[in-house]
Each structure stands twice: as C-alpha cells, then as structure tokens.
Amino acid sequence: MKNSVVWISTMRLRTLPLSVSGIILASCLAAQKGLFNWQIFVLAILTTLSLQILSNLANDYGDGIKGTDNQNRIGPERAIQSGKISPPAMLKAIRINIFVSIVLALSLILVAFGFENIWLSVFFIALGMASVIAAMKYTIGDNAYGYKGLGDVFVFIFFGLVSVIGGYVLYTKTIDFVVFLPAFTVGLLSMGVLNLNNMRDIISDEKSNKNTLAVKLGQKKVKIYHTLLIVSAIILSVLFGVIYYKSPLNLIFIVAYFPLLQHVKAVHTNKNPKLLDPELKKLALTTVFLAILMGVGHLF
C-alpha cells in the first residue's frame, strides 16, 4: 500500500488537469460543429494523461540521476531524490508507460480515422511518436532540451498546438481557423505554468547547470516574461470571444481573468521563491478553468 502511494505521488496528479485542458477545449469546438464523438474524447483524454504521466516519470528519472533534484530544491520531494524509488525501477515504469501510451494512441487513431484517412493516420502516428520522445527528452539524456532553455517552446507546441488543433482534427478531419486563438491561449498559459515552476527552482537549477529559460533571463526579466505570457493569453482569448461572439454566454470565460490578474500581481511582487509553489497550482487550475469556459461558452 505504501509503495502504491509513492508511485501515485510520483505521477504528480496535480499536473494532470492541465494536460487535458486543450483536449476538452478542442472537443467543445468540435461539438459546436456537431462532430463530437465520445469514443474519441475518452481515448484522447486517456492518451494525454498517459503521456503526461510518462513526462512526469521521465522528469523524475532525468533530474534524479543528474542530481538536479537535491536538498536545495524548493518544490515537492521527488521519488528518486528521496530514495523511495530506485532508478532501475523508475526506468522499468517508464518503459511500461511508453507501451501503454503507444497502445492508447494507436487505438485513438484507429477510432478517429479508421482506414479511410490513411495520411491523417500516418501523420498522427508520427505525432504520437514525437510526443513520446518529447516527454522523454525534457530531462533525460545529454541533450535534454529542458536543460537548454527550450522547455517553453515544447510546452507551447504540445500543450497548445498539438492538444487543441490536433484534438480538433481528430473529430473533424480538417483544420478550422476557430482553433488557432484557443490553441495559442492554452499554449501561452501552459508556458506560464512551466515558467513559474522554473522561477521557483531558479536558484537550485542554476547551481545544477539546468539552464532553463528562467535561469537564462534572471530574476527580474523572467517576471516580465511571465507577465507577457499571461497578458498575451488574455488578449488572444478576448479576440476569440469578439470574433466568434453570438451571445453574452460566449464570454463566460472572462471570469477566469480575475485569478489570472491576481496571480500576475502576486508573482510580480514576490521575493520568496517558496511562495511561488501555491501560485503554480493556482495558475494551472485557472488555465483549466479558462479552457473549459472558452469551450463551453462557444457552444451557446
């Protein structure tokens, strides 16, 4: 039982809602077109969750064996760092998770495209492979992109573009202009979540030679960058609401701006990295809240 609790903790359950926010939003956009499919929705959610868990396990493994997760780290204690899970055991779990992710992804592609849309199937198989590799290479290996300040770019691509635009294509088999502003919005806010995580760990990451974008920018500039991410996301979501306005209910997502603006103020005035951890949860949940409201509001 105790071992199960450790593994569940290692999966970092609090990161999972953010990972599916783009899929939920894409599903609502497809539903507005009358193209929603429950099988696709469930399989897309399960595939995304599996990939996020894979990323979390790989992150624990990569940072653990490199010594990046150490006593100087402010965030929650990691499994390998604490010695509760050995590197070989973690590596075995990663391999199992890769298998599960591949099975789920292939099932999703088969249900979404069947044998009639062969080129879309091939493209999404390649996209699935890229997602698995991206989940692994954030911290694992000598050329881990998370150690070169490229994590933000990959988060924007996979949490924003792939999640929303790719999710929409699973239902509709085509791309529509309606998906771009929502995809950029979710992508930017997801970048904000990663950036906030890196801001919290900026001191320990710098000592461990993990050159995240936050480390490269420094304490002052990274706050400006964070503000630009959040404000840009708000502006793009407003544009989405205006362009596709049909009724006041379309704009219900505006209520999510209040916690976002409070968050920006809290980060801007923060002087203690430890106090950024609660803000991390707030921003992640607000992003999910905004994505759901943008999607549901678009249905009216």
Protein backbone atom coordinates (compact mmCIF):
# COMPACT_ATOMS: atom_id res chain seq x y z
CA MET A 1 0.00 0.00 0.00
CA LYS A 2 2.81 2.37 0.96
CA ASN A 3 4.60 1.64 -2.33
CA SER A 4 1.39 2.42 -4.27
CA VAL A 5 1.15 5.80 -2.56
CA VAL A 6 4.73 6.58 -3.60
CA TRP A 7 4.03 5.70 -7.23
CA ILE A 8 0.83 7.74 -7.27
CA SER A 9 2.74 10.70 -5.83
CA THR A 10 5.42 10.24 -8.49
CA MET A 11 2.78 10.55 -11.21
CA ARG A 12 2.17 14.12 -9.94
CA LEU A 13 -1.61 14.07 -10.12
CA ARG A 14 -1.85 17.83 -9.80
CA THR A 15 -0.29 18.23 -13.27
CA LEU A 16 -2.90 16.06 -14.99
CA PRO A 17 -5.85 18.51 -15.26
CA LEU A 18 -3.69 20.99 -17.18
CA SER A 19 -2.63 18.32 -19.66
CA VAL A 20 -6.24 17.57 -20.71
CA SER A 21 -7.47 21.17 -20.82
CA GLY A 22 -6.64 21.51 -24.52
CA ILE A 23 -8.47 18.28 -25.37
CA ILE A 24 -11.58 19.44 -23.51
CA LEU A 25 -11.49 22.78 -25.34
CA ALA A 26 -10.96 21.10 -28.72
CA SER A 27 -13.85 18.73 -28.02
CA CYS A 28 -16.18 21.65 -27.31
CA LEU A 29 -15.12 23.37 -30.54
CA ALA A 30 -15.85 20.16 -32.45
CA ALA A 31 -19.17 19.72 -30.62
CA GLN A 32 -20.24 23.16 -31.80
CA LYS A 33 -19.83 21.81 -35.34
CA GLY A 34 -21.90 18.74 -34.44
CA LEU A 35 -18.88 16.43 -34.70
CA PHE A 36 -18.32 15.33 -31.09
CA ASN A 37 -17.60 11.63 -30.52
CA TRP A 38 -17.47 10.06 -27.03
CA GLN A 39 -15.04 7.31 -28.04
CA ILE A 40 -12.58 9.84 -29.42
CA PHE A 41 -12.99 12.02 -26.34
CA VAL A 42 -12.30 9.22 -23.84
CA LEU A 43 -9.34 7.83 -25.78
CA ALA A 44 -7.88 11.32 -26.32
CA ILE A 45 -8.12 12.04 -22.59
CA LEU A 46 -6.54 8.68 -21.66
CA THR A 47 -3.74 9.11 -24.22
CA THR A 48 -2.97 12.61 -22.99
CA LEU A 49 -2.96 11.53 -19.35
CA SER A 50 -0.65 8.64 -20.18
CA LEU A 51 1.78 10.95 -21.98
CA GLN A 52 1.72 13.44 -19.10
CA ILE A 53 2.44 10.70 -16.57
CA LEU A 54 5.26 9.48 -18.83
CA SER A 55 6.68 13.00 -18.85
CA ASN A 56 6.45 13.21 -15.05
CA LEU A 57 8.20 9.86 -14.54
CA ALA A 58 10.88 10.72 -17.08
CA ASN A 59 11.39 14.12 -15.43
CA ASP A 60 11.84 12.48 -12.05
CA TYR A 61 14.30 10.00 -13.54
CA GLY A 62 16.29 12.53 -15.58
CA ASP A 63 16.63 15.14 -12.84
CA GLY A 64 17.17 12.43 -10.24
CA ILE A 65 20.13 10.69 -11.85
CA LYS A 66 21.71 14.03 -12.79
CA GLY A 67 21.46 15.29 -9.22
CA THR A 68 19.33 18.28 -10.19
CA ASP A 69 16.73 17.22 -7.64
CA ASN A 70 18.62 17.74 -4.40
CA GLN A 71 18.32 19.31 -0.95
CA ASN A 72 18.44 22.81 -2.50
CA ARG A 73 15.23 22.23 -4.45
CA ILE A 74 12.16 24.10 -3.17
CA GLY A 75 9.37 22.06 -4.78
CA PRO A 76 7.87 18.74 -3.64
CA GLU A 77 10.37 15.96 -2.94
CA ARG A 78 10.87 13.62 -5.90
CA ALA A 79 10.92 9.82 -5.76
CA ILE A 80 14.50 9.18 -6.90
CA GLN A 81 15.74 12.18 -4.93
CA SER A 82 14.24 10.72 -1.75
CA GLY A 83 15.39 7.17 -2.49
CA LYS A 84 11.82 5.86 -2.32
CA ILE A 85 12.09 4.56 -5.89
CA SER A 86 15.34 3.32 -7.44
CA PRO A 87 16.48 4.48 -10.90
CA PRO A 88 16.10 0.93 -12.39
CA ALA A 89 12.54 0.67 -11.02
CA MET A 90 11.70 4.09 -12.45
CA LEU A 91 13.16 3.15 -15.81
CA LYS A 92 11.03 0.00 -15.87
CA ALA A 93 7.91 2.07 -15.10
CA ILE A 94 8.83 4.45 -17.92
CA ARG A 95 9.07 1.56 -20.38
CA ILE A 96 5.69 0.22 -19.31
CA ASN A 97 4.20 3.70 -19.65
CA ILE A 98 5.62 4.07 -23.15
CA PHE A 99 3.90 0.82 -24.14
CA VAL A 100 0.59 1.97 -22.64
CA SER A 101 0.87 5.36 -24.38
CA ILE A 102 1.53 3.72 -27.76
CA VAL A 103 -1.42 1.33 -27.40
CA LEU A 104 -3.76 4.18 -26.41
CA ALA A 105 -2.50 6.44 -29.21
CA LEU A 106 -2.94 3.74 -31.87
CA SER A 107 -6.43 2.96 -30.56
CA LEU A 108 -7.32 6.66 -30.71
CA ILE A 109 -6.02 6.97 -34.27
CA LEU A 110 -7.92 3.86 -35.38
CA VAL A 111 -11.20 5.09 -33.88
CA ALA A 112 -10.76 8.64 -35.21
CA PHE A 113 -9.58 7.90 -38.75
CA GLY A 114 -10.19 4.19 -39.40
CA PHE A 115 -8.72 3.02 -42.69
CA GLU A 116 -10.34 5.77 -44.77
CA ASN A 117 -7.97 8.60 -43.79
CA ILE A 118 -4.62 6.86 -44.19
CA TRP A 119 -2.49 10.01 -44.46
CA LEU A 120 -4.02 11.55 -41.36
CA SER A 121 -3.37 8.26 -39.57
CA VAL A 122 0.27 8.29 -40.65
CA PHE A 123 0.65 11.91 -39.59
CA PHE A 124 -0.86 11.29 -36.16
CA ILE A 125 1.28 8.18 -35.65
CA ALA A 126 4.33 10.37 -36.28
CA LEU A 127 2.86 12.98 -33.94
CA GLY A 128 2.36 10.33 -31.28
CA MET A 129 5.97 9.20 -31.61
CA ALA A 130 7.12 12.80 -31.34
CA SER A 131 5.02 13.23 -28.19
CA VAL A 132 6.63 10.19 -26.55
CA ILE A 133 10.12 11.39 -27.48
CA ALA A 134 9.38 14.92 -26.24
CA ALA A 135 8.08 13.54 -22.93
CA MET A 136 11.33 11.60 -22.51
CA LYS A 137 13.87 14.14 -23.72
CA TYR A 138 12.87 17.02 -21.43
CA THR A 139 15.37 15.91 -18.79
CA ILE A 140 16.76 12.54 -19.95
CA GLY A 141 20.00 12.33 -21.93
CA ASP A 142 22.98 14.58 -22.58
CA ASN A 143 20.96 16.74 -24.97
CA ALA A 144 17.85 17.13 -22.81
CA TYR A 145 16.05 20.21 -24.14
CA GLY A 146 14.84 21.21 -20.67
CA TYR A 147 18.47 21.91 -19.76
CA LYS A 148 18.90 24.22 -22.75
CA GLY A 149 16.01 26.58 -22.12
CA LEU A 150 13.76 25.02 -24.78
CA GLY A 151 11.10 23.60 -22.46
CA ASP A 152 8.82 26.59 -23.01
CA VAL A 153 8.80 26.07 -26.78
CA PHE A 154 7.91 22.39 -26.48
CA VAL A 155 5.16 23.11 -23.96
CA PHE A 156 3.61 25.65 -26.33
CA ILE A 157 3.73 23.14 -29.19
CA PHE A 158 2.36 20.11 -27.34
CA PHE A 159 0.05 21.64 -24.72
CA GLY A 160 -1.25 24.31 -27.08
CA LEU A 161 -0.98 23.49 -30.79
CA VAL A 162 -0.99 19.68 -30.69
CA SER A 163 -3.56 19.42 -27.91
CA VAL A 164 -6.13 21.89 -29.26
CA ILE A 165 -5.56 21.81 -33.02
CA GLY A 166 -4.68 18.11 -33.07
CA GLY A 167 -7.63 17.30 -30.82
CA TYR A 168 -9.97 19.21 -33.13
CA VAL A 169 -8.69 17.35 -36.21
CA LEU A 170 -9.39 14.00 -34.53
CA TYR A 171 -13.08 14.88 -34.66
CA THR A 172 -13.37 16.94 -37.81
CA LYS A 173 -10.59 15.54 -40.06
CA THR A 174 -9.77 19.14 -41.01
CA ILE A 175 -8.32 22.36 -39.57
CA ASP A 176 -10.50 25.41 -38.98
CA PHE A 177 -9.45 28.97 -38.11
CA VAL A 178 -11.58 28.73 -34.95
CA VAL A 179 -8.92 26.58 -33.24
CA PHE A 180 -5.89 28.88 -33.52
CA LEU A 181 -6.65 31.55 -30.91
CA PRO A 182 -7.74 28.94 -28.31
CA ALA A 183 -4.62 26.88 -29.07
CA PHE A 184 -2.34 29.90 -28.61
CA THR A 185 -4.16 30.87 -25.41
CA VAL A 186 -3.78 27.45 -23.79
CA GLY A 187 -0.22 27.18 -25.07
CA LEU A 188 0.83 30.51 -23.57
CA LEU A 189 -0.75 29.78 -20.20
CA SER A 190 0.87 26.34 -20.15
CA MET A 191 4.19 28.04 -20.83
CA GLY A 192 3.39 30.23 -17.85
CA VAL A 193 2.94 27.15 -15.65
CA LEU A 194 6.33 25.75 -16.70
CA ASN A 195 7.96 29.15 -16.33
CA LEU A 196 6.55 29.55 -12.83
CA ASN A 197 7.90 26.11 -11.93
CA ASN A 198 11.31 27.18 -13.24
CA MET A 199 11.11 30.51 -11.41
CA ARG A 200 10.53 28.61 -8.16
CA ASP A 201 13.56 26.41 -8.83
CA ILE A 202 15.77 29.06 -10.41
CA ILE A 203 18.43 29.02 -7.67
CA SER A 204 18.79 25.23 -7.44
CA ASP A 205 18.60 24.82 -11.24
CA GLU A 206 21.36 27.37 -11.73
CA LYS A 207 23.59 25.51 -9.27
CA SER A 208 22.87 22.22 -11.07
CA ASN A 209 23.57 23.70 -14.54
CA LYS A 210 19.97 23.24 -15.61
CA ASN A 211 19.78 26.27 -17.89
CA THR A 212 16.05 26.81 -18.12
CA LEU A 213 14.78 29.98 -19.75
CA ALA A 214 14.16 31.36 -16.25
CA VAL A 215 17.84 30.83 -15.39
CA LYS A 216 18.92 32.48 -18.63
CA LEU A 217 16.65 35.50 -18.14
CA GLY A 218 17.40 36.05 -14.47
CA GLN A 219 15.18 37.02 -11.53
CA LYS A 220 13.96 40.38 -12.92
CA LYS A 221 13.48 39.67 -16.62
CA VAL A 222 11.75 36.35 -16.01
CA LYS A 223 8.95 38.17 -14.17
CA ILE A 224 8.44 40.45 -17.17
CA TYR A 225 8.41 37.41 -19.45
CA HIS A 226 5.85 35.70 -17.20
CA THR A 227 3.59 38.75 -17.25
CA LEU A 228 3.79 38.90 -21.05
CA LEU A 229 2.73 35.25 -21.30
CA ILE A 230 -0.35 35.73 -19.13
CA VAL A 231 -1.38 39.08 -20.62
CA SER A 232 -0.89 37.80 -24.19
CA ALA A 233 -3.11 34.80 -23.41
CA ILE A 234 -5.81 37.10 -22.05
CA ILE A 235 -5.65 39.34 -25.15
CA LEU A 236 -5.89 36.37 -27.54
CA SER A 237 -8.84 34.91 -25.66
CA VAL A 238 -10.59 38.28 -25.83
CA LEU A 239 -10.03 38.32 -29.60
CA PHE A 240 -11.52 34.84 -29.81
CA GLY A 241 -14.57 35.99 -27.85
CA VAL A 242 -15.06 39.05 -30.05
CA ILE A 243 -14.53 37.32 -33.40
CA TYR A 244 -16.89 34.43 -32.61
CA TYR A 245 -19.38 36.39 -30.50
CA LYS A 246 -23.01 35.27 -30.72
CA SER A 247 -24.34 35.83 -27.22
CA PRO A 248 -23.12 37.08 -23.80
CA LEU A 249 -22.72 33.45 -22.70
CA ASN A 250 -19.85 33.13 -25.19
CA LEU A 251 -17.83 35.38 -22.89
CA ILE A 252 -18.26 33.49 -19.62
CA PHE A 253 -14.53 32.73 -19.65
CA ILE A 254 -13.87 36.35 -18.66
CA VAL A 255 -14.42 35.38 -15.01
CA ALA A 256 -11.12 33.48 -15.18
CA TYR A 257 -9.29 36.77 -15.75
CA PHE A 258 -9.65 37.80 -12.12
CA PRO A 259 -7.50 34.99 -10.64
CA LEU A 260 -5.08 35.38 -13.57
CA LEU A 261 -4.55 39.08 -12.87
CA GLN A 262 -4.23 38.42 -9.14
CA HIS A 263 -1.64 35.80 -9.99
CA VAL A 264 0.36 38.23 -12.12
CA LYS A 265 0.40 40.71 -9.24
CA ALA A 266 1.49 38.03 -6.76
CA VAL A 267 4.37 36.92 -9.00
CA HIS A 268 5.46 40.47 -9.75
CA THR A 269 5.71 41.38 -6.05
CA ASN A 270 7.13 38.04 -4.91
CA LYS A 271 10.55 37.99 -3.27
CA ASN A 272 10.49 34.47 -1.83
CA PRO A 273 10.65 31.56 -4.36
CA LYS A 274 8.97 29.24 -1.83
CA LEU A 275 5.79 31.29 -2.08
CA LEU A 276 5.55 30.60 -5.81
CA ASP A 277 4.52 26.98 -5.25
CA PRO A 278 0.89 27.84 -4.30
CA GLU A 279 0.77 30.15 -7.33
CA LEU A 280 1.77 27.20 -9.51
CA LYS A 281 -1.38 25.31 -8.54
CA LYS A 282 -3.49 28.44 -8.93
CA LEU A 283 -2.25 29.15 -12.46
CA ALA A 284 -2.63 25.53 -13.60
CA LEU A 285 -6.21 25.25 -12.31
CA THR A 286 -7.14 28.68 -13.69
CA THR A 287 -5.83 27.62 -17.10
CA VAL A 288 -8.05 24.54 -16.98
CA PHE A 289 -10.98 26.70 -15.83
CA LEU A 290 -10.44 29.21 -18.65
CA ALA A 291 -10.12 26.45 -21.29
CA ILE A 292 -13.34 24.77 -20.16
CA LEU A 293 -15.25 28.06 -20.09
CA MET A 294 -13.95 29.05 -23.54
CA GLY A 295 -15.14 25.72 -24.89
CA VAL A 296 -18.50 25.60 -23.13
CA GLY A 297 -19.16 29.26 -23.90
CA HIS A 298 -18.58 28.60 -27.58
CA LEU A 299 -21.41 26.06 -27.57
CA PHE A 300 -24.08 28.70 -26.86
